[in-house]
PDB file of all heavy atoms in Angstrom:
ATOM      1  N   LEU A   1      -9.272 321.927 346.596  1.00  0.00           N
ATOM      2  CA  LEU A   1      -8.686 321.232 347.736  1.00  0.00           C
ATOM      3  C   LEU A   1      -7.278 321.739 347.999  1.00  0.00           C
ATOM      4  O   LEU A   1      -6.537 322.086 347.075  1.00  0.00           O
ATOM      5  CB  LEU A   1      -8.654 319.725 347.486  1.00  0.00           C
ATOM      6  CG  LEU A   1     -10.017 319.033 347.384  1.00  0.00           C
ATOM      7  CD1 LEU A   1      -9.831 317.570 346.995  1.00  0.00           C
ATOM      8  CD2 LEU A   1     -10.772 319.142 348.706  1.00  0.00           C
ATOM      9  N   ARG A   2      -6.916 321.748 349.267  1.00  0.00           N
ATOM     10  CA  ARG A   2      -5.595 322.180 349.679  1.00  0.00           C
ATOM     11  C   ARG A   2      -4.935 321.087 350.505  1.00  0.00           C
ATOM     12  O   ARG A   2      -5.599 320.186 351.016  1.00  0.00           O
ATOM     13  CB  ARG A   2      -5.681 323.479 350.490  1.00  0.00           C
ATOM     14  CG  ARG A   2      -6.201 324.665 349.682  1.00  0.00           C
ATOM     15  CD  ARG A   2      -5.227 325.039 348.569  1.00  0.00           C
ATOM     16  NE  ARG A   2      -5.714 326.135 347.747  1.00  0.00           N
ATOM     17  CZ  ARG A   2      -6.352 325.991 346.591  1.00  0.00           C
ATOM     18  NH1 ARG A   2      -6.606 324.765 346.131  1.00  0.00           N
ATOM     19  NH2 ARG A   2      -6.739 327.031 345.882  1.00  0.00           N
ATOM     20  N   ILE A   3      -3.615 321.182 350.642  1.00  0.00           N
ATOM     21  CA  ILE A   3      -2.879 320.184 351.427  1.00  0.00           C
ATOM     22  C   ILE A   3      -3.424 320.149 352.852  1.00  0.00           C
ATOM     23  O   ILE A   3      -3.599 321.186 353.490  1.00  0.00           O
ATOM     24  CB  ILE A   3      -1.379 320.515 351.430  1.00  0.00           C
ATOM     25  CG1 ILE A   3      -0.811 320.412 350.009  1.00  0.00           C
ATOM     26  CG2 ILE A   3      -0.612 319.585 352.372  1.00  0.00           C
ATOM     27  CD1 ILE A   3       0.639 320.828 349.893  1.00  0.00           C
ATOM     28  N   GLY A   4      -3.700 318.953 353.343  1.00  0.00           N
ATOM     29  CA  GLY A   4      -4.215 318.776 354.695  1.00  0.00           C
ATOM     30  C   GLY A   4      -5.712 318.613 354.770  1.00  0.00           C
ATOM     31  O   GLY A   4      -6.238 318.188 355.802  1.00  0.00           O
ATOM     32  N   ASP A   5      -6.441 318.927 353.690  1.00  0.00           N
ATOM     33  CA  ASP A   5      -7.891 318.752 353.697  1.00  0.00           C
ATOM     34  C   ASP A   5      -8.240 317.269 353.821  1.00  0.00           C
ATOM     35  O   ASP A   5      -7.534 316.400 353.292  1.00  0.00           O
ATOM     36  CB  ASP A   5      -8.503 319.303 352.410  1.00  0.00           C
ATOM     37  CG  ASP A   5      -8.591 320.815 352.406  1.00  0.00           C
ATOM     38  OD1 ASP A   5      -8.345 321.416 353.468  1.00  0.00           O
ATOM     39  OD2 ASP A   5      -8.909 321.396 351.345  1.00  0.00           O
ATOM     40  N   LEU A   6      -9.345 316.996 354.535  1.00  0.00           N
ATOM     41  CA  LEU A   6      -9.853 315.635 354.657  1.00  0.00           C
ATOM     42  C   LEU A   6     -11.080 315.495 353.768  1.00  0.00           C
ATOM     43  O   LEU A   6     -11.975 316.342 353.790  1.00  0.00           O
ATOM     44  CB  LEU A   6     -10.223 315.318 356.107  1.00  0.00           C
ATOM     45  CG  LEU A   6      -9.087 315.324 357.131  1.00  0.00           C
ATOM     46  CD1 LEU A   6      -9.632 315.076 358.527  1.00  0.00           C
ATOM     47  CD2 LEU A   6      -8.044 314.268 356.786  1.00  0.00           C
ATOM     48  N   VAL A   7     -11.114 314.436 352.974  1.00  0.00           N
ATOM     49  CA  VAL A   7     -12.255 314.185 352.099  1.00  0.00           C
ATOM     50  C   VAL A   7     -12.746 312.763 352.313  1.00  0.00           C
ATOM     51  O   VAL A   7     -11.969 311.869 352.672  1.00  0.00           O
ATOM     52  CB  VAL A   7     -11.892 314.402 350.615  1.00  0.00           C
ATOM     53  CG1 VAL A   7     -11.522 315.850 350.357  1.00  0.00           C
ATOM     54  CG2 VAL A   7     -10.760 313.483 350.182  1.00  0.00           C
ATOM     55  N   VAL A   8     -14.041 312.568 352.093  1.00  0.00           N
ATOM     56  CA  VAL A   8     -14.662 311.251 352.225  1.00  0.00           C
ATOM     57  C   VAL A   8     -14.897 310.679 350.840  1.00  0.00           C
ATOM     58  O   VAL A   8     -15.386 311.380 349.948  1.00  0.00           O
ATOM     59  CB  VAL A   8     -15.998 311.344 352.981  1.00  0.00           C
ATOM     60  CG1 VAL A   8     -16.683 309.982 353.012  1.00  0.00           C
ATOM     61  CG2 VAL A   8     -15.772 311.841 354.394  1.00  0.00           C
ATOM     62  N   CYS A   9     -14.547 309.426 350.635  1.00  0.00           N
ATOM     63  CA  CYS A   9     -14.823 308.729 349.374  1.00  0.00           C
ATOM     64  C   CYS A   9     -15.511 307.410 349.689  1.00  0.00           C
ATOM     65  O   CYS A   9     -15.046 306.647 350.549  1.00  0.00           O
ATOM     66  CB  CYS A   9     -13.528 308.470 348.596  1.00  0.00           C
ATOM     67  SG  CYS A   9     -12.827 309.944 347.836  1.00  0.00           S
ATOM     68  N   GLU A  10     -16.617 307.162 348.995  1.00  0.00           N
ATOM     69  CA  GLU A  10     -17.348 305.909 349.143  1.00  0.00           C
ATOM     70  C   GLU A  10     -17.346 305.166 347.816  1.00  0.00           C
ATOM     71  O   GLU A  10     -16.832 305.663 346.808  1.00  0.00           O
ATOM     72  CB  GLU A  10     -18.773 306.197 349.601  1.00  0.00           C
ATOM     73  CG  GLU A  10     -18.855 306.808 350.987  1.00  0.00           C
ATOM     74  CD  GLU A  10     -20.288 307.037 351.437  1.00  0.00           C
ATOM     75  OE1 GLU A  10     -21.015 307.771 350.741  1.00  0.00           O
ATOM     76  OE2 GLU A  10     -20.660 306.480 352.481  1.00  0.00           O
ATOM     77  N   ALA A  11     -17.923 303.961 347.817  1.00  0.00           N
ATOM     78  CA  ALA A  11     -17.970 303.146 346.609  1.00  0.00           C
ATOM     79  C   ALA A  11     -18.570 303.948 345.459  1.00  0.00           C
ATOM     80  O   ALA A  11     -19.627 304.557 345.586  1.00  0.00           O
ATOM     81  CB  ALA A  11     -18.784 301.887 346.861  1.00  0.00           C
ATOM     82  N   GLY A  12     -17.875 303.949 344.330  1.00  0.00           N
ATOM     83  CA  GLY A  12     -18.339 304.675 343.159  1.00  0.00           C
ATOM     84  C   GLY A  12     -17.731 306.050 343.003  1.00  0.00           C
ATOM     85  O   GLY A  12     -17.829 306.658 341.932  1.00  0.00           O
ATOM     86  N   ASP A  13     -17.106 306.580 344.057  1.00  0.00           N
ATOM     87  CA  ASP A  13     -16.515 307.918 343.993  1.00  0.00           C
ATOM     88  C   ASP A  13     -15.144 307.877 343.312  1.00  0.00           C
ATOM     89  O   ASP A  13     -14.402 306.896 343.423  1.00  0.00           O
ATOM     90  CB  ASP A  13     -16.341 308.510 345.396  1.00  0.00           C
ATOM     91  CG  ASP A  13     -17.664 308.861 346.045  1.00  0.00           C
ATOM     92  OD1 ASP A  13     -18.674 308.931 345.308  1.00  0.00           O
ATOM     93  OD2 ASP A  13     -17.692 309.056 347.271  1.00  0.00           O
ATOM     94  N   THR A  14     -14.818 308.963 342.652  1.00  0.00           N
ATOM     95  CA  THR A  14     -13.479 309.151 342.109  1.00  0.00           C
ATOM     96  C   THR A  14     -12.645 309.923 343.118  1.00  0.00           C
ATOM     97  O   THR A  14     -13.106 310.933 343.651  1.00  0.00           O
ATOM     98  CB  THR A  14     -13.527 309.932 340.784  1.00  0.00           C
ATOM     99  OG1 THR A  14     -14.277 309.175 339.821  1.00  0.00           O
ATOM    100  CG2 THR A  14     -12.128 310.171 340.237  1.00  0.00           C
ATOM    101  N   VAL A  15     -11.446 309.428 343.379  1.00  0.00           N
ATOM    102  CA  VAL A  15     -10.566 310.104 344.337  1.00  0.00           C
ATOM    103  C   VAL A  15     -10.212 311.477 343.769  1.00  0.00           C
ATOM    104  O   VAL A  15      -9.684 311.579 342.661  1.00  0.00           O
ATOM    105  CB  VAL A  15      -9.291 309.271 344.592  1.00  0.00           C
ATOM    106  CG1 VAL A  15      -8.345 310.017 345.525  1.00  0.00           C
ATOM    107  CG2 VAL A  15      -9.658 307.914 345.169  1.00  0.00           C
ATOM    108  N   PRO A  16     -10.501 312.568 344.496  1.00  0.00           N
ATOM    109  CA  PRO A  16     -10.341 313.910 343.939  1.00  0.00           C
ATOM    110  C   PRO A  16      -8.904 314.416 343.871  1.00  0.00           C
ATOM    111  O   PRO A  16      -8.629 315.391 343.197  1.00  0.00           O
ATOM    112  CB  PRO A  16     -11.176 314.777 344.880  1.00  0.00           C
ATOM    113  CG  PRO A  16     -11.120 314.060 346.187  1.00  0.00           C
ATOM    114  CD  PRO A  16     -11.101 312.596 345.850  1.00  0.00           C
ATOM    115  N   GLY A  17      -7.973 313.791 344.590  1.00  0.00           N
ATOM    116  CA  GLY A  17      -6.593 314.249 344.579  1.00  0.00           C
ATOM    117  C   GLY A  17      -5.687 313.257 345.274  1.00  0.00           C
ATOM    118  O   GLY A  17      -6.160 312.337 345.955  1.00  0.00           O
ATOM    119  N   ASP A  18      -4.390 313.431 345.100  1.00  0.00           N
ATOM    120  CA  ASP A  18      -3.433 312.543 345.763  1.00  0.00           C
ATOM    121  C   ASP A  18      -3.535 312.708 347.280  1.00  0.00           C
ATOM    122  O   ASP A  18      -3.688 313.823 347.786  1.00  0.00           O
ATOM    123  CB  ASP A  18      -2.011 312.882 345.335  1.00  0.00           C
ATOM    124  CG  ASP A  18      -1.761 312.553 343.875  1.00  0.00           C
ATOM    125  OD1 ASP A  18      -2.691 312.078 343.212  1.00  0.00           O
ATOM    126  OD2 ASP A  18      -0.635 312.788 343.400  1.00  0.00           O
ATOM    127  N   GLY A  19      -3.404 311.602 347.990  1.00  0.00           N
ATOM    128  CA  GLY A  19      -3.453 311.681 349.438  1.00  0.00           C
ATOM    129  C   GLY A  19      -3.183 310.357 350.097  1.00  0.00           C
ATOM    130  O   GLY A  19      -2.801 309.376 349.431  1.00  0.00           O
ATOM    131  N   ASP A  20      -3.365 310.315 351.409  1.00  0.00           N
ATOM    132  CA  ASP A  20      -3.175 309.102 352.199  1.00  0.00           C
ATOM    133  C   ASP A  20      -4.475 308.780 352.926  1.00  0.00           C
ATOM    134  O   ASP A  20      -5.135 309.679 353.469  1.00  0.00           O
ATOM    135  CB  ASP A  20      -2.051 309.289 353.225  1.00  0.00           C
ATOM    136  CG  ASP A  20      -0.693 309.469 352.571  1.00  0.00           C
ATOM    137  OD1 ASP A  20      -0.437 308.779 351.573  1.00  0.00           O
ATOM    138  OD2 ASP A  20       0.101 310.293 353.056  1.00  0.00           O
ATOM    139  N   VAL A  21      -4.829 307.499 352.938  1.00  0.00           N
ATOM    140  CA  VAL A  21      -6.007 307.060 353.690  1.00  0.00           C
ATOM    141  C   VAL A  21      -5.685 307.156 355.178  1.00  0.00           C
ATOM    142  O   VAL A  21      -4.700 306.578 355.643  1.00  0.00           O
ATOM    143  CB  VAL A  21      -6.388 305.614 353.314  1.00  0.00           C
ATOM    144  CG1 VAL A  21      -7.549 305.133 354.177  1.00  0.00           C
ATOM    145  CG2 VAL A  21      -6.756 305.525 351.841  1.00  0.00           C
ATOM    146  N   VAL A  22      -6.503 307.901 355.925  1.00  0.00           N
ATOM    147  CA  VAL A  22      -6.274 308.061 357.357  1.00  0.00           C
ATOM    148  C   VAL A  22      -7.277 307.276 358.187  1.00  0.00           C
ATOM    149  O   VAL A  22      -7.037 307.028 359.365  1.00  0.00           O
ATOM    150  CB  VAL A  22      -6.302 309.547 357.767  1.00  0.00           C
ATOM    151  CG1 VAL A  22      -5.145 310.294 357.136  1.00  0.00           C
ATOM    152  CG2 VAL A  22      -7.615 310.211 357.389  1.00  0.00           C
ATOM    153  N   GLU A  23      -8.385 306.875 357.564  1.00  0.00           N
ATOM    154  CA  GLU A  23      -9.351 306.022 358.257  1.00  0.00           C
ATOM    155  C   GLU A  23     -10.033 305.132 357.241  1.00  0.00           C
ATOM    156  O   GLU A  23     -10.372 305.567 356.136  1.00  0.00           O
ATOM    157  CB  GLU A  23     -10.401 306.860 358.994  1.00  0.00           C
ATOM    158  CG  GLU A  23      -9.862 307.657 360.167  1.00  0.00           C
ATOM    159  CD  GLU A  23     -10.979 308.310 360.973  1.00  0.00           C
ATOM    160  OE1 GLU A  23     -11.939 307.610 361.325  1.00  0.00           O
ATOM    161  OE2 GLU A  23     -10.874 309.512 361.224  1.00  0.00           O
ATOM    162  N   GLY A  24     -10.237 303.863 357.621  1.00  0.00           N
ATOM    163  CA  GLY A  24     -10.984 302.935 356.786  1.00  0.00           C
ATOM    164  C   GLY A  24     -10.110 302.118 355.865  1.00  0.00           C
ATOM    165  O   GLY A  24      -8.886 302.251 355.815  1.00  0.00           O
ATOM    166  N   VAL A  25     -10.768 301.251 355.103  1.00  0.00           N
ATOM    167  CA  VAL A  25     -10.120 300.390 354.126  1.00  0.00           C
ATOM    168  C   VAL A  25     -11.074 300.249 352.950  1.00  0.00           C
ATOM    169  O   VAL A  25     -12.287 300.186 353.127  1.00  0.00           O
ATOM    170  CB  VAL A  25      -9.774 299.007 354.727  1.00  0.00           C
ATOM    171  CG1 VAL A  25     -11.001 298.314 355.269  1.00  0.00           C
ATOM    172  CG2 VAL A  25      -9.076 298.119 353.693  1.00  0.00           C
ATOM    173  N   ALA A  26     -10.544 300.242 351.743  1.00  0.00           N
ATOM    174  CA  ALA A  26     -11.395 300.177 350.566  1.00  0.00           C
ATOM    175  C   ALA A  26     -10.660 299.494 349.427  1.00  0.00           C
ATOM    176  O   ALA A  26      -9.426 299.434 349.395  1.00  0.00           O
ATOM    177  CB  ALA A  26     -11.838 301.582 350.141  1.00  0.00           C
ATOM    178  N   SER A  27     -11.439 298.998 348.481  1.00  0.00           N
ATOM    179  CA  SER A  27     -10.894 298.453 347.247  1.00  0.00           C
ATOM    180  C   SER A  27     -10.911 299.569 346.213  1.00  0.00           C
ATOM    181  O   SER A  27     -11.910 300.266 346.045  1.00  0.00           O
ATOM    182  CB  SER A  27     -11.754 297.276 346.772  1.00  0.00           C
ATOM    183  OG  SER A  27     -11.301 296.783 345.542  1.00  0.00           O
ATOM    184  N   VAL A  28      -9.784 299.750 345.511  1.00  0.00           N
ATOM    185  CA  VAL A  28      -9.635 300.878 344.594  1.00  0.00           C
ATOM    186  C   VAL A  28      -9.241 300.374 343.212  1.00  0.00           C
ATOM    187  O   VAL A  28      -8.381 299.501 343.074  1.00  0.00           O
ATOM    188  CB  VAL A  28      -8.560 301.869 345.116  1.00  0.00           C
ATOM    189  CG1 VAL A  28      -8.387 303.034 344.146  1.00  0.00           C
ATOM    190  CG2 VAL A  28      -8.943 302.387 346.495  1.00  0.00           C
ATOM    191  N   ASP A  29      -9.899 300.929 342.183  1.00  0.00           N
ATOM    192  CA  ASP A  29      -9.568 300.613 340.798  1.00  0.00           C
ATOM    193  C   ASP A  29      -8.535 301.622 340.311  1.00  0.00           C
ATOM    194  O   ASP A  29      -8.837 302.802 340.157  1.00  0.00           O
ATOM    195  CB  ASP A  29     -10.841 300.691 339.943  1.00  0.00           C
ATOM    196  CG  ASP A  29     -10.568 300.469 338.455  1.00  0.00           C
ATOM    197  OD1 ASP A  29      -9.435 300.058 338.124  1.00  0.00           O
ATOM    198  OD2 ASP A  29     -11.477 300.709 337.641  1.00  0.00           O
TER     199      ASP A  29
END
């Protein structure tokens, strides 16, 4: 992953890198 890439995370996924949520809302452990 590079700076600026957009990734999708759903329930059960591990966040692959530091970033900012640009769409949606989720509960995170």
